[in-house]
Every structure is written in C-alpha cells, then in structure tokens.
Amino acid sequence: RRRYYRLNPEGAERARMALAVASAKRSALRALRPGLAGGTTS
C-alpha cells in the first residue's frame, strides 16, 4: 500500500513563506561571501 501526502492549506502557505525566507538568506550570504553558497568569485 502507498501512503499519500499533501500539504494542507496552512502548510502550503507556511512552506511558501519558509522557502522565500531560505532563498533570501542564500541571497544575503552570496552578497556577503560571493565565493560561498553558489555565488561567483568575480
């Protein structure tokens, strides 16, 4: 048998917000340390 999963409406909203925060943190890290977090060294 398979177990099925689905984000509930509140979970979907929280997931979108959490991913946006994580993306902003990665962007800030790239700005501070261009050689880290997938940034460029130019």
PDB file of all heavy atoms in Angstrom:
ATOM      1  N   ARG A   1       0.852  -1.195   0.000  1.00  0.00           N
ATOM      2  CA  ARG A   1       0.000   0.000   0.000  1.00  0.00           C
ATOM      3  C   ARG A   1       0.883   1.240   0.000  1.00  0.00           C
ATOM      4  O   ARG A   1       1.991   1.224   0.524  1.00  0.00           O
ATOM      5  CB  ARG A   1      -0.869   0.053   1.262  1.00  0.00           C
ATOM      6  CG  ARG A   1      -1.949  -0.960   1.310  1.00  0.00           C
ATOM      7  CD  ARG A   1      -2.875  -0.780   2.500  1.00  0.00           C
ATOM      8  NE  ARG A   1      -2.170  -0.495   3.741  1.00  0.00           N
ATOM      9  CZ  ARG A   1      -2.688   0.196   4.758  1.00  0.00           C
ATOM     10  NH1 ARG A   1      -3.914   0.657   4.688  1.00  0.00           N
ATOM     11  NH2 ARG A   1      -2.003   0.393   5.848  1.00  0.00           N
ATOM     12  N   ARG A   2       0.384   2.297  -0.576  1.00  0.00           N
ATOM     13  CA  ARG A   2       1.123   3.561  -0.612  1.00  0.00           C
ATOM     14  C   ARG A   2       0.541   4.524   0.420  1.00  0.00           C
ATOM     15  O   ARG A   2      -0.658   4.541   0.665  1.00  0.00           O
ATOM     16  CB  ARG A   2       1.008   4.207  -1.994  1.00  0.00           C
ATOM     17  CG  ARG A   2       1.671   3.391  -3.070  1.00  0.00           C
ATOM     18  CD  ARG A   2       1.387   3.974  -4.426  1.00  0.00           C
ATOM     19  NE  ARG A   2       2.120   3.227  -5.438  1.00  0.00           N
ATOM     20  CZ  ARG A   2       1.790   3.203  -6.716  1.00  0.00           C
ATOM     21  NH1 ARG A   2       0.748   3.891  -7.155  1.00  0.00           N
ATOM     22  NH2 ARG A   2       2.505   2.508  -7.566  1.00  0.00           N
ATOM     23  N   ARG A   3       1.425   5.324   0.969  1.00  0.00           N
ATOM     24  CA  ARG A   3       0.980   6.408   1.843  1.00  0.00           C
ATOM     25  C   ARG A   3       1.033   7.676   1.019  1.00  0.00           C
ATOM     26  O   ARG A   3       2.074   8.014   0.445  1.00  0.00           O
ATOM     27  CB  ARG A   3       1.859   6.517   3.077  1.00  0.00           C
ATOM     28  CG  ARG A   3       1.298   7.499   4.082  1.00  0.00           C
ATOM     29  CD  ARG A   3       1.959   7.346   5.415  1.00  0.00           C
ATOM     30  NE  ARG A   3       1.311   8.212   6.378  1.00  0.00           N
ATOM     31  CZ  ARG A   3       1.476   8.124   7.669  1.00  0.00           C
ATOM     32  NH1 ARG A   3       2.264   7.194   8.153  1.00  0.00           N
ATOM     33  NH2 ARG A   3       0.870   8.949   8.474  1.00  0.00           N
ATOM     34  N   TYR A   4      -0.081   8.366   0.954  1.00  0.00           N
ATOM     35  CA  TYR A   4      -0.176   9.601   0.175  1.00  0.00           C
ATOM     36  C   TYR A   4      -0.049  10.812   1.090  1.00  0.00           C
ATOM     37  O   TYR A   4      -0.570  10.810   2.211  1.00  0.00           O
ATOM     38  CB  TYR A   4      -1.513   9.650  -0.573  1.00  0.00           C
ATOM     39  CG  TYR A   4      -1.534   8.735  -1.774  1.00  0.00           C
ATOM     40  CD1 TYR A   4      -1.984   7.429  -1.662  1.00  0.00           C
ATOM     41  CD2 TYR A   4      -1.099   9.181  -3.010  1.00  0.00           C
ATOM     42  CE1 TYR A   4      -1.998   6.584  -2.760  1.00  0.00           C
ATOM     43  CE2 TYR A   4      -1.103   8.348  -4.109  1.00  0.00           C
ATOM     44  CZ  TYR A   4      -1.549   7.051  -3.984  1.00  0.00           C
ATOM     45  OH  TYR A   4      -1.555   6.231  -5.069  1.00  0.00           O
ATOM     46  N   TYR A   5       0.621  11.834   0.581  1.00  0.00           N
ATOM     47  CA  TYR A   5       0.882  13.065   1.331  1.00  0.00           C
ATOM     48  C   TYR A   5       0.407  14.265   0.529  1.00  0.00           C
ATOM     49  O   TYR A   5       0.480  14.280  -0.692  1.00  0.00           O
ATOM     50  CB  TYR A   5       2.390  13.228   1.580  1.00  0.00           C
ATOM     51  CG  TYR A   5       3.004  12.096   2.356  1.00  0.00           C
ATOM     52  CD1 TYR A   5       3.525  10.990   1.699  1.00  0.00           C
ATOM     53  CD2 TYR A   5       3.056  12.122   3.742  1.00  0.00           C
ATOM     54  CE1 TYR A   5       4.092   9.939   2.404  1.00  0.00           C
ATOM     55  CE2 TYR A   5       3.618  11.078   4.452  1.00  0.00           C
ATOM     56  CZ  TYR A   5       4.136   9.995   3.781  1.00  0.00           C
ATOM     57  OH  TYR A   5       4.692   8.963   4.482  1.00  0.00           O
ATOM     58  N   ARG A   6      -0.047  15.279   1.259  1.00  0.00           N
ATOM     59  CA  ARG A   6      -0.454  16.528   0.635  1.00  0.00           C
ATOM     60  C   ARG A   6      -0.307  17.640   1.667  1.00  0.00           C
ATOM     61  O   ARG A   6      -0.664  17.471   2.839  1.00  0.00           O
ATOM     62  CB  ARG A   6      -1.913  16.434   0.179  1.00  0.00           C
ATOM     63  CG  ARG A   6      -2.435  17.718  -0.436  1.00  0.00           C
ATOM     64  CD  ARG A   6      -3.864  17.589  -0.920  1.00  0.00           C
ATOM     65  NE  ARG A   6      -4.724  17.218   0.194  1.00  0.00           N
ATOM     66  CZ  ARG A   6      -5.870  16.563   0.060  1.00  0.00           C
ATOM     67  NH1 ARG A   6      -6.297  16.195  -1.112  1.00  0.00           N
ATOM     68  NH2 ARG A   6      -6.597  16.284   1.106  1.00  0.00           N
ATOM     69  N   LEU A   7       0.224  18.776   1.224  1.00  0.00           N
ATOM     70  CA  LEU A   7       0.262  19.941   2.104  1.00  0.00           C
ATOM     71  C   LEU A   7      -1.164  20.402   2.342  1.00  0.00           C
ATOM     72  O   LEU A   7      -1.960  20.479   1.401  1.00  0.00           O
ATOM     73  CB  LEU A   7       1.063  21.083   1.462  1.00  0.00           C
ATOM     74  CG  LEU A   7       2.569  20.892   1.396  1.00  0.00           C
ATOM     75  CD1 LEU A   7       3.191  21.908   0.452  1.00  0.00           C
ATOM     76  CD2 LEU A   7       3.184  20.999   2.784  1.00  0.00           C
ATOM     77  N   ASN A   8      -1.504  20.704   3.591  1.00  0.00           N
ATOM     78  CA  ASN A   8      -2.809  21.289   3.841  1.00  0.00           C
ATOM     79  C   ASN A   8      -2.707  22.788   3.516  1.00  0.00           C
ATOM     80  O   ASN A   8      -1.597  23.295   3.285  1.00  0.00           O
ATOM     81  CB  ASN A   8      -3.285  21.001   5.285  1.00  0.00           C
ATOM     82  CG  ASN A   8      -2.317  21.502   6.340  1.00  0.00           C
ATOM     83  OD1 ASN A   8      -1.858  22.632   6.296  1.00  0.00           O
ATOM     84  ND2 ASN A   8      -1.996  20.626   7.288  1.00  0.00           N
ATOM     85  N   PRO A   9      -3.808  23.517   3.422  1.00  0.00           N
ATOM     86  CA  PRO A   9      -3.729  24.924   3.010  1.00  0.00           C
ATOM     87  C   PRO A   9      -2.775  25.771   3.862  1.00  0.00           C
ATOM     88  O   PRO A   9      -1.983  26.547   3.322  1.00  0.00           O
ATOM     89  CB  PRO A   9      -5.175  25.415   3.127  1.00  0.00           C
ATOM     90  CG  PRO A   9      -5.993  24.171   2.891  1.00  0.00           C
ATOM     91  CD  PRO A   9      -5.201  23.066   3.548  1.00  0.00           C
ATOM     92  N   GLU A  10      -2.830  25.605   5.172  1.00  0.00           N
ATOM     93  CA  GLU A  10      -1.919  26.360   6.041  1.00  0.00           C
ATOM     94  C   GLU A  10      -0.474  25.921   5.814  1.00  0.00           C
ATOM     95  O   GLU A  10       0.442  26.742   5.763  1.00  0.00           O
ATOM     96  CB  GLU A  10      -2.294  26.169   7.515  1.00  0.00           C
ATOM     97  CG  GLU A  10      -1.389  26.970   8.442  1.00  0.00           C
ATOM     98  CD  GLU A  10      -1.725  26.770   9.914  1.00  0.00           C
ATOM     99  OE1 GLU A  10      -2.825  26.297  10.238  1.00  0.00           O
ATOM    100  OE2 GLU A  10      -0.859  27.097  10.742  1.00  0.00           O
ATOM    101  N   GLY A  11      -0.273  24.625   5.644  1.00  0.00           N
ATOM    102  CA  GLY A  11       1.069  24.101   5.397  1.00  0.00           C
ATOM    103  C   GLY A  11       1.641  24.610   4.087  1.00  0.00           C
ATOM    104  O   GLY A  11       2.829  24.933   4.001  1.00  0.00           O
ATOM    105  N   ALA A  12       0.805  24.700   3.062  1.00  0.00           N
ATOM    106  CA  ALA A  12       1.268  25.210   1.769  1.00  0.00           C
ATOM    107  C   ALA A  12       1.712  26.666   1.907  1.00  0.00           C
ATOM    108  O   ALA A  12       2.757  27.061   1.377  1.00  0.00           O
ATOM    109  CB  ALA A  12       0.171  25.078   0.721  1.00  0.00           C
ATOM    110  N   GLU A  13       0.945  27.443   2.637  1.00  0.00           N
ATOM    111  CA  GLU A  13       1.314  28.854   2.842  1.00  0.00           C
ATOM    112  C   GLU A  13       2.603  28.966   3.654  1.00  0.00           C
ATOM    113  O   GLU A  13       3.500  29.739   3.322  1.00  0.00           O
ATOM    114  CB  GLU A  13       0.170  29.602   3.534  1.00  0.00           C
ATOM    115  CG  GLU A  13       0.448  31.069   3.748  1.00  0.00           C
ATOM    116  CD  GLU A  13       0.719  31.836   2.451  1.00  0.00           C
ATOM    117  OE1 GLU A  13       0.198  31.457   1.389  1.00  0.00           O
ATOM    118  OE2 GLU A  13       1.485  32.819   2.507  1.00  0.00           O
ATOM    119  N   ARG A  14       2.708  28.165   4.717  1.00  0.00           N
ATOM    120  CA  ARG A  14       3.921  28.192   5.541  1.00  0.00           C
ATOM    121  C   ARG A  14       5.132  27.714   4.745  1.00  0.00           C
ATOM    122  O   ARG A  14       6.234  28.228   4.897  1.00  0.00           O
ATOM    123  CB  ARG A  14       3.726  27.365   6.803  1.00  0.00           C
ATOM    124  CG  ARG A  14       2.678  28.034   7.733  1.00  0.00           C
ATOM    125  CD  ARG A  14       2.490  27.289   9.000  1.00  0.00           C
ATOM    126  NE  ARG A  14       3.621  27.561   9.885  1.00  0.00           N
ATOM    127  CZ  ARG A  14       3.809  26.974  11.048  1.00  0.00           C
ATOM    128  NH1 ARG A  14       2.963  26.068  11.466  1.00  0.00           N
ATOM    129  NH2 ARG A  14       4.846  27.264  11.788  1.00  0.00           N
ATOM    130  N   ALA A  15       4.926  26.716   3.873  1.00  0.00           N
ATOM    131  CA  ALA A  15       6.022  26.218   3.035  1.00  0.00           C
ATOM    132  C   ALA A  15       6.506  27.308   2.087  1.00  0.00           C
ATOM    133  O   ALA A  15       7.712  27.508   1.929  1.00  0.00           O
ATOM    134  CB  ALA A  15       5.557  24.989   2.248  1.00  0.00           C
ATOM    135  N   ARG A  16       5.579  28.017   1.453  1.00  0.00           N
ATOM    136  CA  ARG A  16       5.960  29.108   0.543  1.00  0.00           C
ATOM    137  C   ARG A  16       6.755  30.178   1.292  1.00  0.00           C
ATOM    138  O   ARG A  16       7.766  30.675   0.788  1.00  0.00           O
ATOM    139  CB  ARG A  16       4.717  29.733  -0.103  1.00  0.00           C
ATOM    140  CG  ARG A  16       4.088  28.872  -1.160  1.00  0.00           C
ATOM    141  CD  ARG A  16       2.894  29.577  -1.820  1.00  0.00           C
ATOM    142  NE  ARG A  16       2.151  28.637  -2.619  1.00  0.00           N
ATOM    143  CZ  ARG A  16       1.034  28.007  -2.220  1.00  0.00           C
ATOM    144  NH1 ARG A  16       0.514  28.245  -1.015  1.00  0.00           N
ATOM    145  NH2 ARG A  16       0.436  27.165  -3.025  1.00  0.00           N
ATOM    146  N   MET A  17       6.283  30.532   2.487  1.00  0.00           N
ATOM    147  CA  MET A  17       6.983  31.551   3.284  1.00  0.00           C
ATOM    148  C   MET A  17       8.362  31.056   3.704  1.00  0.00           C
ATOM    149  O   MET A  17       9.351  31.795   3.615  1.00  0.00           O
ATOM    150  CB  MET A  17       6.143  31.941   4.503  1.00  0.00           C
ATOM    151  CG  MET A  17       4.894  32.700   4.115  1.00  0.00           C
ATOM    152  SD  MET A  17       3.795  33.285   5.450  1.00  0.00           S
ATOM    153  CE  MET A  17       4.356  32.523   6.912  1.00  0.00           C
ATOM    154  N   ALA A  18       8.465  29.813   4.146  1.00  0.00           N
ATOM    155  CA  ALA A  18       9.748  29.255   4.591  1.00  0.00           C
ATOM    156  C   ALA A  18      10.743  29.194   3.434  1.00  0.00           C
ATOM    157  O   ALA A  18      11.926  29.509   3.610  1.00  0.00           O
ATOM    158  CB  ALA A  18       9.547  27.864   5.193  1.00  0.00           C
ATOM    159  N   LEU A  19      10.272  28.813   2.250  1.00  0.00           N
ATOM    160  CA  LEU A  19      11.159  28.768   1.081  1.00  0.00           C
ATOM    161  C   LEU A  19      11.604  30.164   0.679  1.00  0.00           C
ATOM    162  O   LEU A  19      12.750  30.364   0.276  1.00  0.00           O
ATOM    163  CB  LEU A  19      10.476  28.058  -0.083  1.00  0.00           C
ATOM    164  CG  LEU A  19      10.289  26.553   0.100  1.00  0.00           C
ATOM    165  CD1 LEU A  19       9.422  25.985  -1.019  1.00  0.00           C
ATOM    166  CD2 LEU A  19      11.626  25.835   0.168  1.00  0.00           C
ATOM    167  N   ALA A  20      10.725  31.155   0.807  1.00  0.00           N
ATOM    168  CA  ALA A  20      11.094  32.533   0.487  1.00  0.00           C
ATOM    169  C   ALA A  20      12.164  33.042   1.460  1.00  0.00           C
ATOM    170  O   ALA A  20      13.136  33.682   1.051  1.00  0.00           O
ATOM    171  CB  ALA A  20       9.864  33.439   0.525  1.00  0.00           C
ATOM    172  N   VAL A  21      12.007  32.729   2.742  1.00  0.00           N
ATOM    173  CA  VAL A  21      12.997  33.137   3.749  1.00  0.00           C
ATOM    174  C   VAL A  21      14.331  32.453   3.476  1.00  0.00           C
ATOM    175  O   VAL A  21      15.391  33.090   3.513  1.00  0.00           O
ATOM    176  CB  VAL A  21      12.489  32.822   5.177  1.00  0.00           C
ATOM    177  CG1 VAL A  21      13.602  32.950   6.206  1.00  0.00           C
ATOM    178  CG2 VAL A  21      11.322  33.729   5.538  1.00  0.00           C
ATOM    179  N   ALA A  22      14.303  31.156   3.182  1.00  0.00           N
ATOM    180  CA  ALA A  22      15.538  30.416   2.893  1.00  0.00           C
ATOM    181  C   ALA A  22      16.236  30.998   1.664  1.00  0.00           C
ATOM    182  O   ALA A  22      17.464  31.136   1.645  1.00  0.00           O
ATOM    183  CB  ALA A  22      15.234  28.941   2.693  1.00  0.00           C
ATOM    184  N   SER A  23      15.469  31.347   0.642  1.00  0.00           N
ATOM    185  CA  SER A  23      16.038  31.937  -0.567  1.00  0.00           C
ATOM    186  C   SER A  23      16.669  33.290  -0.267  1.00  0.00           C
ATOM    187  O   SER A  23      17.767  33.597  -0.756  1.00  0.00           O
ATOM    188  CB  SER A  23      14.953  32.082  -1.634  1.00  0.00           C
ATOM    189  OG  SER A  23      15.480  32.685  -2.785  1.00  0.00           O
ATOM    190  N   ALA A  24      15.996  34.083   0.549  1.00  0.00           N
ATOM    191  CA  ALA A  24      16.539  35.403   0.920  1.00  0.00           C
ATOM    192  C   ALA A  24      17.841  35.245   1.710  1.00  0.00           C
ATOM    193  O   ALA A  24      18.792  36.011   1.501  1.00  0.00           O
ATOM    194  CB  ALA A  24      15.510  36.189   1.735  1.00  0.00           C
ATOM    195  N   LYS A  25      17.903  34.256   2.571  1.00  0.00           N
ATOM    196  CA  LYS A  25      19.131  34.017   3.348  1.00  0.00           C
ATOM    197  C   LYS A  25      20.277  33.608   2.429  1.00  0.00           C
ATOM    198  O   LYS A  25      21.405  34.064   2.599  1.00  0.00           O
ATOM    199  CB  LYS A  25      18.900  32.944   4.415  1.00  0.00           C
ATOM    200  CG  LYS A  25      18.081  33.421   5.586  1.00  0.00           C
ATOM    201  CD  LYS A  25      17.896  32.317   6.605  1.00  0.00           C
ATOM    202  CE  LYS A  25      17.062  32.788   7.776  1.00  0.00           C
ATOM    203  NZ  LYS A  25      16.845  31.736   8.757  1.00  0.00           N
ATOM    204  N   ARG A  26      19.980  32.746   1.443  1.00  0.00           N
ATOM    205  CA  ARG A  26      21.029  32.346   0.496  1.00  0.00           C
ATOM    206  C   ARG A  26      21.507  33.556  -0.305  1.00  0.00           C
ATOM    207  O   ARG A  26      22.702  33.721  -0.539  1.00  0.00           O
ATOM    208  CB  ARG A  26      20.514  31.260  -0.452  1.00  0.00           C
ATOM    209  CG  ARG A  26      20.568  29.875   0.129  1.00  0.00           C
ATOM    210  CD  ARG A  26      20.356  28.791  -0.911  1.00  0.00           C
ATOM    211  NE  ARG A  26      19.202  28.994  -1.769  1.00  0.00           N
ATOM    212  CZ  ARG A  26      17.948  28.662  -1.467  1.00  0.00           C
ATOM    213  NH1 ARG A  26      17.707  28.099  -0.298  1.00  0.00           N
ATOM    214  NH2 ARG A  26      16.972  28.879  -2.312  1.00  0.00           N
ATOM    215  N   SER A  27      20.583  34.407  -0.717  1.00  0.00           N
ATOM    216  CA  SER A  27      20.951  35.599  -1.483  1.00  0.00           C
ATOM    217  C   SER A  27      21.820  36.531  -0.644  1.00  0.00           C
ATOM    218  O   SER A  27      22.803  37.087  -1.142  1.00  0.00           O
ATOM    219  CB  SER A  27      19.700  36.343  -1.953  1.00  0.00           C
ATOM    220  OG  SER A  27      18.992  35.564  -2.873  1.00  0.00           O
ATOM    221  N   ALA A  28      21.469  36.700   0.617  1.00  0.00           N
ATOM    222  CA  ALA A  28      22.247  37.555   1.503  1.00  0.00           C
ATOM    223  C   ALA A  28      23.645  36.970   1.707  1.00  0.00           C
ATOM    224  O   ALA A  28      24.641  37.707   1.710  1.00  0.00           O
ATOM    225  CB  ALA A  28      21.539  37.719   2.846  1.00  0.00           C
ATOM    226  N   LEU A  29      23.733  35.656   1.854  1.00  0.00           N
ATOM    227  CA  LEU A  29      25.032  35.005   2.017  1.00  0.00           C
ATOM    228  C   LEU A  29      25.890  35.198   0.768  1.00  0.00           C
ATOM    229  O   LEU A  29      27.081  35.500   0.859  1.00  0.00           O
ATOM    230  CB  LEU A  29      24.854  33.516   2.322  1.00  0.00           C
ATOM    231  CG  LEU A  29      26.132  32.714   2.509  1.00  0.00           C
ATOM    232  CD1 LEU A  29      26.977  33.282   3.643  1.00  0.00           C
ATOM    233  CD2 LEU A  29      25.805  31.255   2.765  1.00  0.00           C
ATOM    234  N   ARG A  30      25.273  35.058  -0.405  1.00  0.00           N
ATOM    235  CA  ARG A  30      26.012  35.258  -1.655  1.00  0.00           C
ATOM    236  C   ARG A  30      26.540  36.682  -1.749  1.00  0.00           C
ATOM    237  O   ARG A  30      27.643  36.910  -2.240  1.00  0.00           O
ATOM    238  CB  ARG A  30      25.119  34.963  -2.862  1.00  0.00           C
ATOM    239  CG  ARG A  30      25.042  33.510  -3.180  1.00  0.00           C
ATOM    240  CD  ARG A  30      24.340  33.301  -4.524  1.00  0.00           C
ATOM    241  NE  ARG A  30      23.583  32.080  -4.442  1.00  0.00           N
ATOM    242  CZ  ARG A  30      22.270  31.990  -4.340  1.00  0.00           C
ATOM    243  NH1 ARG A  30      21.531  33.067  -4.375  1.00  0.00           N
ATOM    244  NH2 ARG A  30      21.684  30.825  -4.250  1.00  0.00           N
ATOM    245  N   ALA A  31      25.755  37.645  -1.305  1.00  0.00           N
ATOM    246  CA  ALA A  31      26.171  39.049  -1.366  1.00  0.00           C
ATOM    247  C   ALA A  31      27.348  39.309  -0.423  1.00  0.00           C
ATOM    248  O   ALA A  31      28.268  40.051  -0.755  1.00  0.00           O
ATOM    249  CB  ALA A  31      25.002  39.974  -1.024  1.00  0.00           C
ATOM    250  N   LEU A  32      27.317  38.678   0.751  1.00  0.00           N
ATOM    251  CA  LEU A  32      28.380  38.884   1.731  1.00  0.00           C
ATOM    252  C   LEU A  32      29.640  38.101   1.392  1.00  0.00           C
ATOM    253  O   LEU A  32      30.750  38.573   1.610  1.00  0.00           O
ATOM    254  CB  LEU A  32      27.897  38.456   3.125  1.00  0.00           C
ATOM    255  CG  LEU A  32      26.819  39.330   3.743  1.00  0.00           C
ATOM    256  CD1 LEU A  32      26.319  38.700   5.032  1.00  0.00           C
ATOM    257  CD2 LEU A  32      27.344  40.731   4.007  1.00  0.00           C
ATOM    258  N   ARG A  33      29.448  36.891   0.889  1.00  0.00           N
ATOM    259  CA  ARG A  33      30.558  35.996   0.594  1.00  0.00           C
ATOM    260  C   ARG A  33      30.366  35.415  -0.794  1.00  0.00           C
ATOM    261  O   ARG A  33      29.880  34.304  -0.930  1.00  0.00           O
ATOM    262  CB  ARG A  33      30.627  34.866   1.633  1.00  0.00           C
ATOM    263  CG  ARG A  33      30.773  35.306   3.088  1.00  0.00           C
ATOM    264  CD  ARG A  33      32.170  35.805   3.424  1.00  0.00           C
ATOM    265  NE  ARG A  33      33.216  34.860   3.165  1.00  0.00           N
ATOM    266  CZ  ARG A  33      33.782  34.069   4.059  1.00  0.00           C
ATOM    267  NH1 ARG A  33      33.394  34.097   5.290  1.00  0.00           N
ATOM    268  NH2 ARG A  33      34.732  33.252   3.699  1.00  0.00           N
ATOM    269  N   PRO A  34      30.717  36.126  -1.829  1.00  0.00           N
ATOM    270  CA  PRO A  34      30.441  35.681  -3.194  1.00  0.00           C
ATOM    271  C   PRO A  34      30.989  34.293  -3.527  1.00  0.00           C
ATOM    272  O   PRO A  34      30.416  33.602  -4.345  1.00  0.00           O
ATOM    273  CB  PRO A  34      31.103  36.730  -4.075  1.00  0.00           C
ATOM    274  CG  PRO A  34      31.282  37.921  -3.209  1.00  0.00           C
ATOM    275  CD  PRO A  34      31.399  37.409  -1.804  1.00  0.00           C
ATOM    276  N   GLY A  35      32.040  33.862  -2.903  1.00  0.00           N
ATOM    277  CA  GLY A  35      32.613  32.552  -3.199  1.00  0.00           C
ATOM    278  C   GLY A  35      31.871  31.409  -2.531  1.00  0.00           C
ATOM    279  O   GLY A  35      32.125  30.259  -2.818  1.00  0.00           O
ATOM    280  N   LEU A  36      30.943  31.716  -1.642  1.00  0.00           N
ATOM    281  CA  LEU A  36      30.187  30.689  -0.941  1.00  0.00           C
ATOM    282  C   LEU A  36      28.759  30.630  -1.446  1.00  0.00           C
ATOM    283  O   LEU A  36      28.293  31.509  -2.158  1.00  0.00           O
ATOM    284  CB  LEU A  36      30.149  31.001   0.565  1.00  0.00           C
ATOM    285  CG  LEU A  36      31.507  31.026   1.266  1.00  0.00           C
ATOM    286  CD1 LEU A  36      31.335  31.408   2.718  1.00  0.00           C
ATOM    287  CD2 LEU A  36      32.176  29.671   1.165  1.00  0.00           C
ATOM    288  N   ALA A  37      28.038  29.623  -1.050  1.00  0.00           N
ATOM    289  CA  ALA A  37      26.603  29.457  -1.329  1.00  0.00           C
ATOM    290  C   ALA A  37      26.286  29.541  -2.809  1.00  0.00           C
ATOM    291  O   ALA A  37      25.277  30.093  -3.203  1.00  0.00           O
ATOM    292  CB  ALA A  37      25.787  30.484  -0.547  1.00  0.00           C
ATOM    293  N   GLY A  38      27.183  29.030  -3.642  1.00  0.00           N
ATOM    294  CA  GLY A  38      26.898  29.007  -5.068  1.00  0.00           C
ATOM    295  C   GLY A  38      27.106  30.323  -5.761  1.00  0.00           C
ATOM    296  O   GLY A  38      26.728  30.483  -6.905  1.00  0.00           O
ATOM    297  N   GLY A  39      27.719  31.274  -5.070  1.00  0.00           N
ATOM    298  CA  GLY A  39      27.961  32.583  -5.681  1.00  0.00           C
ATOM    299  C   GLY A  39      29.187  32.552  -6.571  1.00  0.00           C
ATOM    300  O   GLY A  39      29.905  31.575  -6.643  1.00  0.00           O
ATOM    301  N   THR A  40      29.423  33.623  -7.271  1.00  0.00           N
ATOM    302  CA  THR A  40      30.593  33.719  -8.135  1.00  0.00           C
ATOM    303  C   THR A  40      31.708  34.442  -7.398  1.00  0.00           C
ATOM    304  O   THR A  40      31.466  35.131  -6.425  1.00  0.00           O
ATOM    305  CB  THR A  40      30.264  34.463  -9.437  1.00  0.00           C
ATOM    306  OG1 THR A  40      29.855  35.785  -9.097  1.00  0.00           O
ATOM    307  CG2 THR A  40      29.166  33.750 -10.211  1.00  0.00           C
ATOM    308  N   THR A  41      32.916  34.323  -7.901  1.00  0.00           N
ATOM    309  CA  THR A  41      34.062  34.962  -7.244  1.00  0.00           C
ATOM    310  C   THR A  41      34.512  36.201  -7.990  1.00  0.00           C
ATOM    311  O   THR A  41      35.577  36.724  -7.732  1.00  0.00           O
ATOM    312  CB  THR A  41      35.230  33.964  -7.142  1.00  0.00           C
ATOM    313  OG1 THR A  41      35.553  33.494  -8.443  1.00  0.00           O
ATOM    314  CG2 THR A  41      34.890  32.822  -6.211  1.00  0.00           C
ATOM    315  N   SER A  42      33.744  36.679  -8.948  1.00  0.00           N
ATOM    316  CA  SER A  42      34.165  37.862  -9.712  1.00  0.00           C
ATOM    317  C   SER A  42      33.946  39.141  -8.958  1.00  0.00           C
ATOM    318  O   SER A  42      33.218  39.278  -8.066  1.00  0.00           O
ATOM    319  CB  SER A  42      33.420  37.921 -11.038  1.00  0.00           C
ATOM    320  OG  SER A  42      32.012  37.858 -10.846  1.00  0.00           O
TER     321      SER A  42
END
